[in-house]
Amino acid sequence: MIIKKIEEIAWQDVEMEGAKDARVRVVLGPADKAPTFAMRIFELGPGGHTPLHSHPFEHEVVILEGRIAAVSETGSRELEINDALLIYPDEIHRFANLSAAAAAKFMCLVPVGYQK
């Protein structure tokens, strides 16, 4: 069993093209020898967003704080704290902070092999 304090894990800037004011903490992942999933927490600065992207696997998301929209090919939907999402394989998506004044956070699980 591994137990960590999330606030002690360093933030890393999201370096993907199209990201704006986004950073991530890899809570559990390859460095922990996690066998299946990597757990990450993203923070979007005011007006920040992840890039519009897709990948060949599902991932799960939980909204932790702030005003976040899930954007897909079918439009944008404002989410609430504690909303849980399933993003299907190859589904084009992004997350955007709707606030111009405060950061927003969400947790995301992906296959551990995808996490660098």
PDB file of N, CA and C in Angstrom:
ATOM      1  N   MET A   1       0.845  -1.175   0.000  1.00  0.00           N
ATOM      2  CA  MET A   1       0.000   0.000   0.000  1.00  0.00           C
ATOM      3  C   MET A   1       0.892   1.240   0.000  1.00  0.00           C
ATOM      4  N   ILE A   2       0.505   2.219  -0.769  1.00  0.00           N
ATOM      5  CA  ILE A   2       1.205   3.500  -0.810  1.00  0.00           C
ATOM      6  C   ILE A   2       0.229   4.576  -0.373  1.00  0.00           C
ATOM      7  N   ILE A   3       0.662   5.437   0.529  1.00  0.00           N
ATOM      8  CA  ILE A   3      -0.150   6.568   0.981  1.00  0.00           C
ATOM      9  C   ILE A   3       0.673   7.826   0.780  1.00  0.00           C
ATOM     10  N   LYS A   4       0.065   8.827   0.158  1.00  0.00           N
ATOM     11  CA  LYS A   4       0.764  10.086  -0.105  1.00  0.00           C
ATOM     12  C   LYS A   4      -0.088  11.263   0.345  1.00  0.00           C
ATOM     13  N   LYS A   5       0.558  12.361   0.600  1.00  0.00           N
ATOM     14  CA  LYS A   5      -0.111  13.640   0.842  1.00  0.00           C
ATOM     15  C   LYS A   5      -0.123  14.386  -0.489  1.00  0.00           C
ATOM     16  N   ILE A   6      -1.298  14.615  -1.026  1.00  0.00           N
ATOM     17  CA  ILE A   6      -1.407  15.227  -2.350  1.00  0.00           C
ATOM     18  C   ILE A   6      -0.701  16.568  -2.406  1.00  0.00           C
ATOM     19  N   GLU A   7      -0.842  17.372  -1.362  1.00  0.00           N
ATOM     20  CA  GLU A   7      -0.248  18.712  -1.386  1.00  0.00           C
ATOM     21  C   GLU A   7       1.277  18.677  -1.404  1.00  0.00           C
ATOM     22  N   GLU A   8       1.888  17.529  -1.141  1.00  0.00           N
ATOM     23  CA  GLU A   8       3.342  17.412  -1.169  1.00  0.00           C
ATOM     24  C   GLU A   8       3.878  17.003  -2.543  1.00  0.00           C
ATOM     25  N   ILE A   9       2.989  16.709  -3.484  1.00  0.00           N
ATOM     26  CA  ILE A   9       3.393  16.295  -4.828  1.00  0.00           C
ATOM     27  C   ILE A   9       3.550  17.545  -5.687  1.00  0.00           C
ATOM     28  N   ALA A  10       4.661  17.642  -6.388  1.00  0.00           N
ATOM     29  CA  ALA A  10       4.964  18.833  -7.193  1.00  0.00           C
ATOM     30  C   ALA A  10       4.019  18.967  -8.385  1.00  0.00           C
ATOM     31  N   TRP A  11       3.676  20.205  -8.694  1.00  0.00           N
ATOM     32  CA  TRP A  11       2.911  20.518  -9.897  1.00  0.00           C
ATOM     33  C   TRP A  11       3.855  20.484 -11.096  1.00  0.00           C
ATOM     34  N   GLN A  12       3.324  20.064 -12.234  1.00  0.00           N
ATOM     35  CA  GLN A  12       4.044  20.113 -13.514  1.00  0.00           C
ATOM     36  C   GLN A  12       3.166  20.846 -14.514  1.00  0.00           C
ATOM     37  N   ASP A  13       3.751  21.725 -15.298  1.00  0.00           N
ATOM     38  CA  ASP A  13       2.978  22.402 -16.335  1.00  0.00           C
ATOM     39  C   ASP A  13       2.538  21.394 -17.388  1.00  0.00           C
ATOM     40  N   VAL A  14       1.317  21.562 -17.903  1.00  0.00           N
ATOM     41  CA  VAL A  14       0.841  20.741 -19.009  1.00  0.00           C
ATOM     42  C   VAL A  14       1.475  21.315 -20.266  1.00  0.00           C
ATOM     43  N   GLU A  15       2.296  20.516 -20.942  1.00  0.00           N
ATOM     44  CA  GLU A  15       3.087  20.983 -22.078  1.00  0.00           C
ATOM     45  C   GLU A  15       2.435  20.706 -23.431  1.00  0.00           C
ATOM     46  N   MET A  16       1.237  20.127 -23.451  1.00  0.00           N
ATOM     47  CA  MET A  16       0.586  19.800 -24.719  1.00  0.00           C
ATOM     48  C   MET A  16       0.172  21.064 -25.463  1.00  0.00           C
ATOM     49  N   GLU A  17       0.333  21.045 -26.789  1.00  0.00           N
ATOM     50  CA  GLU A  17      -0.090  22.176 -27.607  1.00  0.00           C
ATOM     51  C   GLU A  17      -1.585  22.412 -27.422  1.00  0.00           C
ATOM     52  N   GLY A  18      -1.972  23.653 -27.210  1.00  0.00           N
ATOM     53  CA  GLY A  18      -3.374  24.000 -27.010  1.00  0.00           C
ATOM     54  C   GLY A  18      -3.774  24.133 -25.553  1.00  0.00           C
ATOM     55  N   ALA A  19      -2.884  23.754 -24.628  1.00  0.00           N
ATOM     56  CA  ALA A  19      -3.177  23.927 -23.203  1.00  0.00           C
ATOM     57  C   ALA A  19      -2.911  25.380 -22.815  1.00  0.00           C
ATOM     58  N   LYS A  20      -3.715  25.874 -21.889  1.00  0.00           N
ATOM     59  CA  LYS A  20      -3.531  27.238 -21.397  1.00  0.00           C
ATOM     60  C   LYS A  20      -3.671  27.231 -19.883  1.00  0.00           C
ATOM     61  N   ASP A  21      -2.659  27.714 -19.178  1.00  0.00           N
ATOM     62  CA  ASP A  21      -2.693  27.828 -17.715  1.00  0.00           C
ATOM     63  C   ASP A  21      -3.193  26.542 -17.058  1.00  0.00           C
ATOM     64  N   ALA A  22      -2.603  25.421 -17.468  1.00  0.00           N
ATOM     65  CA  ALA A  22      -2.980  24.107 -16.927  1.00  0.00           C
ATOM     66  C   ALA A  22      -1.743  23.446 -16.335  1.00  0.00           C
ATOM     67  N   ARG A  23      -1.935  22.830 -15.169  1.00  0.00           N
ATOM     68  CA  ARG A  23      -0.851  22.067 -14.551  1.00  0.00           C
ATOM     69  C   ARG A  23      -1.426  20.808 -13.932  1.00  0.00           C
ATOM     70  N   VAL A  24      -0.529  19.854 -13.640  1.00  0.00           N
ATOM     71  CA  VAL A  24      -0.960  18.534 -13.197  1.00  0.00           C
ATOM     72  C   VAL A  24      -0.050  18.032 -12.085  1.00  0.00           C
ATOM     73  N   ARG A  25      -0.652  17.287 -11.164  1.00  0.00           N
ATOM     74  CA  ARG A  25       0.079  16.512 -10.161  1.00  0.00           C
ATOM     75  C   ARG A  25      -0.168  15.041 -10.484  1.00  0.00           C
ATOM     76  N   VAL A  26       0.895  14.271 -10.663  1.00  0.00           N
ATOM     77  CA  VAL A  26       0.733  12.831 -10.848  1.00  0.00           C
ATOM     78  C   VAL A  26       0.728  12.233  -9.447  1.00  0.00           C
ATOM     79  N   VAL A  27      -0.468  11.954  -8.956  1.00  0.00           N
ATOM     80  CA  VAL A  27      -0.633  11.477  -7.582  1.00  0.00           C
ATOM     81  C   VAL A  27      -0.091  10.060  -7.441  1.00  0.00           C
ATOM     82  N   LEU A  28      -0.511   9.185  -8.327  1.00  0.00           N
ATOM     83  CA  LEU A  28      -0.038   7.795  -8.361  1.00  0.00           C
ATOM     84  C   LEU A  28       0.176   7.419  -9.816  1.00  0.00           C
ATOM     85  N   GLY A  29       1.284   6.754 -10.100  1.00  0.00           N
ATOM     86  CA  GLY A  29       1.557   6.417 -11.488  1.00  0.00           C
ATOM     87  C   GLY A  29       2.740   5.501 -11.633  1.00  0.00           C
ATOM     88  N   PRO A  30       3.452   5.625 -12.759  1.00  0.00           N
ATOM     89  CA  PRO A  30       4.574   4.730 -13.036  1.00  0.00           C
ATOM     90  C   PRO A  30       5.650   4.734 -11.947  1.00  0.00           C
ATOM     91  N   ALA A  31       5.956   5.893 -11.377  1.00  0.00           N
ATOM     92  CA  ALA A  31       6.993   5.959 -10.340  1.00  0.00           C
ATOM     93  C   ALA A  31       6.619   5.155  -9.094  1.00  0.00           C
ATOM     94  N   ASP A  32       5.316   4.922  -8.914  1.00  0.00           N
ATOM     95  CA  ASP A  32       4.824   4.151  -7.772  1.00  0.00           C
ATOM     96  C   ASP A  32       4.618   2.685  -8.119  1.00  0.00           C
ATOM     97  N   LYS A  33       4.946   2.336  -9.360  1.00  0.00           N
ATOM     98  CA  LYS A  33       4.728   0.983  -9.880  1.00  0.00           C
ATOM     99  C   LYS A  33       3.244   0.609  -9.856  1.00  0.00           C
ATOM    100  N   ALA A  34       2.386   1.612 -10.102  1.00  0.00           N
ATOM    101  CA  ALA A  34       0.947   1.347 -10.218  1.00  0.00           C
ATOM    102  C   ALA A  34       0.739   0.413 -11.409  1.00  0.00           C
ATOM    103  N   PRO A  35       0.035  -0.696 -11.246  1.00  0.00           N
ATOM    104  CA  PRO A  35      -0.065  -1.675 -12.321  1.00  0.00           C
ATOM    105  C   PRO A  35      -1.036  -1.327 -13.444  1.00  0.00           C
ATOM    106  N   THR A  36      -2.069  -0.531 -13.165  1.00  0.00           N
ATOM    107  CA  THR A  36      -3.118  -0.353 -14.162  1.00  0.00           C
ATOM    108  C   THR A  36      -3.442   1.100 -14.451  1.00  0.00           C
ATOM    109  N   PHE A  37      -3.639   1.917 -13.412  1.00  0.00           N
ATOM    110  CA  PHE A  37      -4.094   3.288 -13.597  1.00  0.00           C
ATOM    111  C   PHE A  37      -3.095   4.296 -13.057  1.00  0.00           C
ATOM    112  N   ALA A  38      -3.106   5.476 -13.664  1.00  0.00           N
ATOM    113  CA  ALA A  38      -2.413   6.637 -13.114  1.00  0.00           C
ATOM    114  C   ALA A  38      -3.485   7.613 -12.655  1.00  0.00           C
ATOM    115  N   MET A  39      -3.303   8.160 -11.456  1.00  0.00           N
ATOM    116  CA  MET A  39      -4.231   9.140 -10.895  1.00  0.00           C
ATOM    117  C   MET A  39      -3.552  10.501 -10.963  1.00  0.00           C
ATOM    118  N   ARG A  40      -4.255  11.464 -11.568  1.00  0.00           N
ATOM    119  CA  ARG A  40      -3.698  12.803 -11.716  1.00  0.00           C
ATOM    120  C   ARG A  40      -4.709  13.841 -11.249  1.00  0.00           C
ATOM    121  N   ILE A  41      -4.211  14.950 -10.739  1.00  0.00           N
ATOM    122  CA  ILE A  41      -5.066  16.086 -10.413  1.00  0.00           C
ATOM    123  C   ILE A  41      -4.609  17.252 -11.285  1.00  0.00           C
ATOM    124  N   PHE A  42      -5.550  17.820 -12.008  1.00  0.00           N
ATOM    125  CA  PHE A  42      -5.276  18.965 -12.861  1.00  0.00           C
ATOM    126  C   PHE A  42      -5.794  20.229 -12.197  1.00  0.00           C
ATOM    127  N   GLU A  43      -5.058  21.304 -12.366  1.00  0.00           N
ATOM    128  CA  GLU A  43      -5.514  22.620 -11.953  1.00  0.00           C
ATOM    129  C   GLU A  43      -5.499  23.526 -13.177  1.00  0.00           C
ATOM    130  N   LEU A  44      -6.621  24.189 -13.403  1.00  0.00           N
ATOM    131  CA  LEU A  44      -6.749  25.139 -14.500  1.00  0.00           C
ATOM    132  C   LEU A  44      -6.803  26.532 -13.894  1.00  0.00           C
ATOM    133  N   GLY A  45      -5.881  27.393 -14.296  1.00  0.00           N
ATOM    134  CA  GLY A  45      -5.908  28.766 -13.822  1.00  0.00           C
ATOM    135  C   GLY A  45      -7.138  29.483 -14.357  1.00  0.00           C
ATOM    136  N   PRO A  46      -7.416  30.690 -13.855  1.00  0.00           N
ATOM    137  CA  PRO A  46      -8.568  31.444 -14.359  1.00  0.00           C
ATOM    138  C   PRO A  46      -8.542  31.535 -15.887  1.00  0.00           C
ATOM    139  N   GLY A  47      -9.609  31.086 -16.520  1.00  0.00           N
ATOM    140  CA  GLY A  47      -9.693  31.088 -17.978  1.00  0.00           C
ATOM    141  C   GLY A  47      -8.850  30.013 -18.653  1.00  0.00           C
ATOM    142  N   GLY A  48      -8.212  29.147 -17.878  1.00  0.00           N
ATOM    143  CA  GLY A  48      -7.343  28.111 -18.438  1.00  0.00           C
ATOM    144  C   GLY A  48      -8.123  26.916 -18.966  1.00  0.00           C
ATOM    145  N   HIS A  49      -7.424  26.073 -19.743  1.00  0.00           N
ATOM    146  CA  HIS A  49      -8.069  24.880 -20.295  1.00  0.00           C
ATOM    147  C   HIS A  49      -7.033  23.852 -20.712  1.00  0.00           C
ATOM    148  N   THR A  50      -7.489  22.609 -20.814  1.00  0.00           N
ATOM    149  CA  THR A  50      -6.674  21.558 -21.404  1.00  0.00           C
ATOM    150  C   THR A  50      -6.808  21.683 -22.918  1.00  0.00           C
ATOM    151  N   PRO A  51      -5.935  21.025 -23.672  1.00  0.00           N
ATOM    152  CA  PRO A  51      -6.077  21.082 -25.123  1.00  0.00           C
ATOM    153  C   PRO A  51      -7.271  20.248 -25.593  1.00  0.00           C
ATOM    154  N   LEU A  52      -7.815  20.601 -26.723  1.00  0.00           N
ATOM    155  CA  LEU A  52      -8.836  19.773 -27.358  1.00  0.00           C
ATOM    156  C   LEU A  52      -8.098  18.558 -27.920  1.00  0.00           C
ATOM    157  N   HIS A  53      -8.459  17.367 -27.448  1.00  0.00           N
ATOM    158  CA  HIS A  53      -7.707  16.182 -27.821  1.00  0.00           C
ATOM    159  C   HIS A  53      -8.556  14.926 -27.696  1.00  0.00           C
ATOM    160  N   SER A  54      -8.000  13.818 -28.147  1.00  0.00           N
ATOM    161  CA  SER A  54      -8.609  12.496 -27.944  1.00  0.00           C
ATOM    162  C   SER A  54      -7.479  11.498 -27.770  1.00  0.00           C
ATOM    163  N   HIS A  55      -7.829  10.306 -27.314  1.00  0.00           N
ATOM    164  CA  HIS A  55      -6.870   9.224 -27.156  1.00  0.00           C
ATOM    165  C   HIS A  55      -7.613   7.901 -27.250  1.00  0.00           C
ATOM    166  N   PRO A  56      -6.908   6.811 -27.524  1.00  0.00           N
ATOM    167  CA  PRO A  56      -7.581   5.540 -27.811  1.00  0.00           C
ATOM    168  C   PRO A  56      -8.008   4.740 -26.586  1.00  0.00           C
ATOM    169  N   PHE A  57      -8.215   5.395 -25.476  1.00  0.00           N
ATOM    170  CA  PHE A  57      -8.636   4.704 -24.262  1.00  0.00           C
ATOM    171  C   PHE A  57      -9.627   5.583 -23.516  1.00  0.00           C
ATOM    172  N   GLU A  58     -10.420   4.954 -22.661  1.00  0.00           N
ATOM    173  CA  GLU A  58     -11.331   5.696 -21.796  1.00  0.00           C
ATOM    174  C   GLU A  58     -10.547   6.385 -20.697  1.00  0.00           C
ATOM    175  N   HIS A  59     -11.150   7.386 -20.093  1.00  0.00           N
ATOM    176  CA  HIS A  59     -10.651   7.849 -18.808  1.00  0.00           C
ATOM    177  C   HIS A  59     -11.779   8.421 -17.999  1.00  0.00           C
ATOM    178  N   GLU A  60     -11.570   8.440 -16.699  1.00  0.00           N
ATOM    179  CA  GLU A  60     -12.591   8.865 -15.755  1.00  0.00           C
ATOM    180  C   GLU A  60     -12.132  10.159 -15.093  1.00  0.00           C
ATOM    181  N   VAL A  61     -13.109  11.033 -14.821  1.00  0.00           N
ATOM    182  CA  VAL A  61     -12.829  12.363 -14.272  1.00  0.00           C
ATOM    183  C   VAL A  61     -13.815  12.647 -13.147  1.00  0.00           C
ATOM    184  N   VAL A  62     -13.340  13.311 -12.092  1.00  0.00           N
ATOM    185  CA  VAL A  62     -14.194  13.804 -11.008  1.00  0.00           C
ATOM    186  C   VAL A  62     -13.862  15.276 -10.810  1.00  0.00           C
ATOM    187  N   ILE A  63     -14.890  16.117 -10.786  1.00  0.00           N
ATOM    188  CA  ILE A  63     -14.695  17.555 -10.579  1.00  0.00           C
ATOM    189  C   ILE A  63     -14.518  17.802  -9.082  1.00  0.00           C
ATOM    190  N   LEU A  64     -13.417  18.472  -8.719  1.00  0.00           N
ATOM    191  CA  LEU A  64     -13.088  18.693  -7.310  1.00  0.00           C
ATOM    192  C   LEU A  64     -13.446  20.092  -6.828  1.00  0.00           C
ATOM    193  N   GLU A  65     -13.157  21.115  -7.633  1.00  0.00           N
ATOM    194  CA  GLU A  65     -13.485  22.485  -7.220  1.00  0.00           C
ATOM    195  C   GLU A  65     -13.501  23.406  -8.422  1.00  0.00           C
ATOM    196  N   GLY A  66     -14.261  24.484  -8.289  1.00  0.00           N
ATOM    197  CA  GLY A  66     -14.316  25.497  -9.330  1.00  0.00           C
ATOM    198  C   GLY A  66     -15.443  25.281 -10.321  1.00  0.00           C
ATOM    199  N   ARG A  67     -15.429  26.127 -11.341  1.00  0.00           N
ATOM    200  CA  ARG A  67     -16.442  26.088 -12.413  1.00  0.00           C
ATOM    201  C   ARG A  67     -15.776  25.579 -13.682  1.00  0.00           C
ATOM    202  N   ILE A  68     -16.063  24.349 -14.029  1.00  0.00           N
ATOM    203  CA  ILE A  68     -15.420  23.688 -15.155  1.00  0.00           C
ATOM    204  C   ILE A  68     -16.479  23.288 -16.176  1.00  0.00           C
ATOM    205  N   ALA A  69     -16.125  23.466 -17.459  1.00  0.00           N
ATOM    206  CA  ALA A  69     -16.970  22.981 -18.548  1.00  0.00           C
ATOM    207  C   ALA A  69     -16.263  21.823 -19.228  1.00  0.00           C
ATOM    208  N   ALA A  70     -17.037  20.814 -19.591  1.00  0.00           N
ATOM    209  CA  ALA A  70     -16.554  19.733 -20.452  1.00  0.00           C
ATOM    210  C   ALA A  70     -16.969  20.109 -21.867  1.00  0.00           C
ATOM    211  N   VAL A  71     -16.007  20.142 -22.767  1.00  0.00           N
ATOM    212  CA  VAL A  71     -16.253  20.539 -24.150  1.00  0.00           C
ATOM    213  C   VAL A  71     -16.025  19.321 -25.033  1.00  0.00           C
ATOM    214  N   SER A  72     -16.974  19.069 -25.936  1.00  0.00           N
ATOM    215  CA  SER A  72     -16.842  17.955 -26.874  1.00  0.00           C
ATOM    216  C   SER A  72     -17.344  18.417 -28.239  1.00  0.00           C
ATOM    217  N   GLU A  73     -17.358  17.506 -29.180  1.00  0.00           N
ATOM    218  CA  GLU A  73     -17.853  17.846 -30.529  1.00  0.00           C
ATOM    219  C   GLU A  73     -19.330  18.228 -30.509  1.00  0.00           C
ATOM    220  N   THR A  74     -20.040  17.790 -29.489  1.00  0.00           N
ATOM    221  CA  THR A  74     -21.477  18.090 -29.426  1.00  0.00           C
ATOM    222  C   THR A  74     -21.778  19.356 -28.637  1.00  0.00           C
ATOM    223  N   GLY A  75     -20.753  20.022 -28.117  1.00  0.00           N
ATOM    224  CA  GLY A  75     -20.979  21.273 -27.393  1.00  0.00           C
ATOM    225  C   GLY A  75     -20.253  21.317 -26.067  1.00  0.00           C
ATOM    226  N   SER A  76     -20.703  22.236 -25.226  1.00  0.00           N
ATOM    227  CA  SER A  76     -20.074  22.470 -23.930  1.00  0.00           C
ATOM    228  C   SER A  76     -21.123  22.319 -22.838  1.00  0.00           C
ATOM    229  N   ARG A  77     -20.699  21.739 -21.729  1.00  0.00           N
ATOM    230  CA  ARG A  77     -21.622  21.561 -20.606  1.00  0.00           C
ATOM    231  C   ARG A  77     -20.928  21.934 -19.309  1.00  0.00           C
ATOM    232  N   GLU A  78     -21.526  22.844 -18.535  1.00  0.00           N
ATOM    233  CA  GLU A  78     -20.960  23.213 -17.251  1.00  0.00           C
ATOM    234  C   GLU A  78     -21.163  22.066 -16.269  1.00  0.00           C
ATOM    235  N   LEU A  79     -20.116  21.777 -15.521  1.00  0.00           N
ATOM    236  CA  LEU A  79     -20.138  20.683 -14.566  1.00  0.00           C
ATOM    237  C   LEU A  79     -20.223  21.223 -13.151  1.00  0.00           C
ATOM    238  N   GLU A  80     -20.576  20.354 -12.223  1.00  0.00           N
ATOM    239  CA  GLU A  80     -20.660  20.729 -10.818  1.00  0.00           C
ATOM    240  C   GLU A  80     -19.641  19.941 -10.017  1.00  0.00           C
ATOM    241  N   ILE A  81     -19.240  20.477  -8.880  1.00  0.00           N
ATOM    242  CA  ILE A  81     -18.341  19.767  -7.985  1.00  0.00           C
ATOM    243  C   ILE A  81     -18.964  18.408  -7.650  1.00  0.00           C
ATOM    244  N   ASN A  82     -18.142  17.378  -7.684  1.00  0.00           N
ATOM    245  CA  ASN A  82     -18.510  15.977  -7.446  1.00  0.00           C
ATOM    246  C   ASN A  82     -19.172  15.312  -8.637  1.00  0.00           C
ATOM    247  N   ASP A  83     -19.292  15.992  -9.781  1.00  0.00           N
ATOM    248  CA  ASP A  83     -19.728  15.298 -10.990  1.00  0.00           C
ATOM    249  C   ASP A  83     -18.634  14.327 -11.411  1.00  0.00           C
ATOM    250  N   ALA A  84     -19.045  13.152 -11.882  1.00  0.00           N
ATOM    251  CA  ALA A  84     -18.116  12.143 -12.397  1.00  0.00           C
ATOM    252  C   ALA A  84     -18.403  11.938 -13.876  1.00  0.00           C
ATOM    253  N   LEU A  85     -17.357  11.836 -14.670  1.00  0.00           N
ATOM    254  CA  LEU A  85     -17.497  11.694 -16.117  1.00  0.00           C
ATOM    255  C   LEU A  85     -16.741  10.475 -16.601  1.00  0.00           C
ATOM    256  N   LEU A  86     -17.267   9.852 -17.625  1.00  0.00           N
ATOM    257  CA  LEU A  86     -16.576   8.809 -18.362  1.00  0.00           C
ATOM    258  C   LEU A  86     -16.346   9.359 -19.760  1.00  0.00           C
ATOM    259  N   ILE A  87     -15.101   9.518 -20.144  1.00  0.00           N
ATOM    260  CA  ILE A  87     -14.745   9.956 -21.486  1.00  0.00           C
ATOM    261  C   ILE A  87     -14.409   8.690 -22.274  1.00  0.00           C
ATOM    262  N   TYR A  88     -15.139   8.462 -23.362  1.00  0.00           N
ATOM    263  CA  TYR A  88     -14.959   7.240 -24.145  1.00  0.00           C
ATOM    264  C   TYR A  88     -13.693   7.298 -25.000  1.00  0.00           C
ATOM    265  N   PRO A  89     -13.167   6.139 -25.390  1.00  0.00           N
ATOM    266  CA  PRO A  89     -12.014   6.128 -26.291  1.00  0.00           C
ATOM    267  C   PRO A  89     -12.313   6.930 -27.559  1.00  0.00           C
ATOM    268  N   ASP A  90     -11.328   7.689 -27.999  1.00  0.00           N
ATOM    269  CA  ASP A  90     -11.382   8.485 -29.233  1.00  0.00           C
ATOM    270  C   ASP A  90     -12.391   9.629 -29.194  1.00  0.00           C
ATOM    271  N   GLU A  91     -12.976   9.920 -28.035  1.00  0.00           N
ATOM    272  CA  GLU A  91     -13.906  11.042 -27.915  1.00  0.00           C
ATOM    273  C   GLU A  91     -13.091  12.342 -27.796  1.00  0.00           C
ATOM    274  N   ILE A  92     -13.357  13.292 -28.673  1.00  0.00           N
ATOM    275  CA  ILE A  92     -12.661  14.576 -28.634  1.00  0.00           C
ATOM    276  C   ILE A  92     -13.226  15.381 -27.471  1.00  0.00           C
ATOM    277  N   HIS A  93     -12.311  15.940 -26.637  1.00  0.00           N
ATOM    278  CA  HIS A  93     -12.768  16.634 -25.434  1.00  0.00           C
ATOM    279  C   HIS A  93     -11.707  17.615 -24.934  1.00  0.00           C
ATOM    280  N   ARG A  94     -12.151  18.500 -24.068  1.00  0.00           N
ATOM    281  CA  ARG A  94     -11.270  19.405 -23.333  1.00  0.00           C
ATOM    282  C   ARG A  94     -12.021  19.831 -22.086  1.00  0.00           C
ATOM    283  N   PHE A  95     -11.284  20.335 -21.100  1.00  0.00           N
ATOM    284  CA  PHE A  95     -11.874  20.898 -19.887  1.00  0.00           C
ATOM    285  C   PHE A  95     -11.455  22.353 -19.805  1.00  0.00           C
ATOM    286  N   ALA A  96     -12.404  23.213 -19.490  1.00  0.00           N
ATOM    287  CA  ALA A  96     -12.140  24.656 -19.451  1.00  0.00           C
ATOM    288  C   ALA A  96     -12.632  25.238 -18.140  1.00  0.00           C
ATOM    289  N   ASN A  97     -11.819  26.109 -17.550  1.00  0.00           N
ATOM    290  CA  ASN A  97     -12.203  26.827 -16.336  1.00  0.00           C
ATOM    291  C   ASN A  97     -13.057  28.014 -16.762  1.00  0.00           C
ATOM    292  N   LEU A  98     -14.282  28.054 -16.286  1.00  0.00           N
ATOM    293  CA  LEU A  98     -15.214  29.125 -16.652  1.00  0.00           C
ATOM    294  C   LEU A  98     -15.023  30.387 -15.826  1.00  0.00           C
ATOM    295  N   SER A  99     -14.220  30.328 -14.796  1.00  0.00           N
ATOM    296  CA  SER A  99     -14.008  31.480 -13.925  1.00  0.00           C
ATOM    297  C   SER A  99     -12.834  32.322 -14.427  1.00  0.00           C
ATOM    298  N   ALA A 100     -13.004  33.628 -14.381  1.00  0.00           N
ATOM    299  CA  ALA A 100     -11.914  34.549 -14.714  1.00  0.00           C
ATOM    300  C   ALA A 100     -11.138  34.948 -13.465  1.00  0.00           C
ATOM    301  N   ALA A 101     -11.573  34.456 -12.290  1.00  0.00           N
ATOM    302  CA  ALA A 101     -10.975  34.911 -11.035  1.00  0.00           C
ATOM    303  C   ALA A 101     -10.386  33.798 -10.166  1.00  0.00           C
ATOM    304  N   ALA A 102     -10.795  32.556 -10.366  1.00  0.00           N
ATOM    305  CA  ALA A 102     -10.367  31.490  -9.447  1.00  0.00           C
ATOM    306  C   ALA A 102      -9.952  30.240 -10.223  1.00  0.00           C
ATOM    307  N   ALA A 103      -9.033  29.480  -9.643  1.00  0.00           N
ATOM    308  CA  ALA A 103      -8.594  28.215 -10.239  1.00  0.00           C
ATOM    309  C   ALA A 103      -9.685  27.155 -10.084  1.00  0.00           C
ATOM    310  N   ALA A 104      -9.575  26.095 -10.862  1.00  0.00           N
ATOM    311  CA  ALA A 104     -10.494  24.961 -10.802  1.00  0.00           C
ATOM    312  C   ALA A 104      -9.668  23.680 -10.852  1.00  0.00           C
ATOM    313  N   LYS A 105     -10.188  22.597 -10.235  1.00  0.00           N
ATOM    314  CA  LYS A 105      -9.436  21.340 -10.175  1.00  0.00           C
ATOM    315  C   LYS A 105     -10.323  20.154 -10.508  1.00  0.00           C
ATOM    316  N   PHE A 106      -9.705  19.160 -11.147  1.00  0.00           N
ATOM    317  CA  PHE A 106     -10.373  17.883 -11.368  1.00  0.00           C
ATOM    318  C   PHE A 106      -9.366  16.750 -11.266  1.00  0.00           C
ATOM    319  N   MET A 107      -9.874  15.571 -10.917  1.00  0.00           N
ATOM    320  CA  MET A 107      -9.067  14.363 -10.843  1.00  0.00           C
ATOM    321  C   MET A 107      -9.346  13.525 -12.078  1.00  0.00           C
ATOM    322  N   CYS A 108      -8.315  12.886 -12.590  1.00  0.00           N
ATOM    323  CA  CYS A 108      -8.424  12.117 -13.820  1.00  0.00           C
ATOM    324  C   CYS A 108      -7.663  10.809 -13.664  1.00  0.00           C
ATOM    325  N   LEU A 109      -8.262   9.712 -14.107  1.00  0.00           N
ATOM    326  CA  LEU A 109      -7.609   8.407 -14.121  1.00  0.00           C
ATOM    327  C   LEU A 109      -7.403   7.980 -15.584  1.00  0.00           C
ATOM    328  N   VAL A 110      -6.175   7.555 -15.895  1.00  0.00           N
ATOM    329  CA  VAL A 110      -5.840   7.073 -17.236  1.00  0.00           C
ATOM    330  C   VAL A 110      -5.032   5.793 -17.097  1.00  0.00           C
ATOM    331  N   PRO A 111      -4.904   5.022 -18.173  1.00  0.00           N
ATOM    332  CA  PRO A 111      -4.033   3.852 -18.126  1.00  0.00           C
ATOM    333  C   PRO A 111      -2.601   4.279 -17.757  1.00  0.00           C
ATOM    334  N   VAL A 112      -1.967   3.534 -16.893  1.00  0.00           N
ATOM    335  CA  VAL A 112      -0.646   3.920 -16.394  1.00  0.00           C
ATOM    336  C   VAL A 112       0.376   4.043 -17.523  1.00  0.00           C
ATOM    337  N   GLY A 113       0.230   3.285 -18.587  1.00  0.00           N
ATOM    338  CA  GLY A 113       1.162   3.369 -19.707  1.00  0.00           C
ATOM    339  C   GLY A 113       1.103   4.693 -20.445  1.00  0.00           C
ATOM    340  N   TYR A 114       0.002   5.396 -20.347  1.00  0.00           N
ATOM    341  CA  TYR A 114      -0.152   6.701 -20.998  1.00  0.00           C
ATOM    342  C   TYR A 114       0.567   7.797 -20.213  1.00  0.00           C
ATOM    343  N   GLN A 115       0.697   7.614 -18.929  1.00  0.00           N
ATOM    344  CA  GLN A 115       1.330   8.634 -18.071  1.00  0.00           C
ATOM    345  C   GLN A 115       2.836   8.553 -18.212  1.00  0.00           C
ATOM    346  N   LYS A 116       3.447   9.676 -18.538  1.00  0.00           N
ATOM    347  CA  LYS A 116       4.905   9.711 -18.702  1.00  0.00           C
ATOM    348  C   LYS A 116       5.591   9.927 -17.377  1.00  0.00           C
TER     349      LYS A 116
END
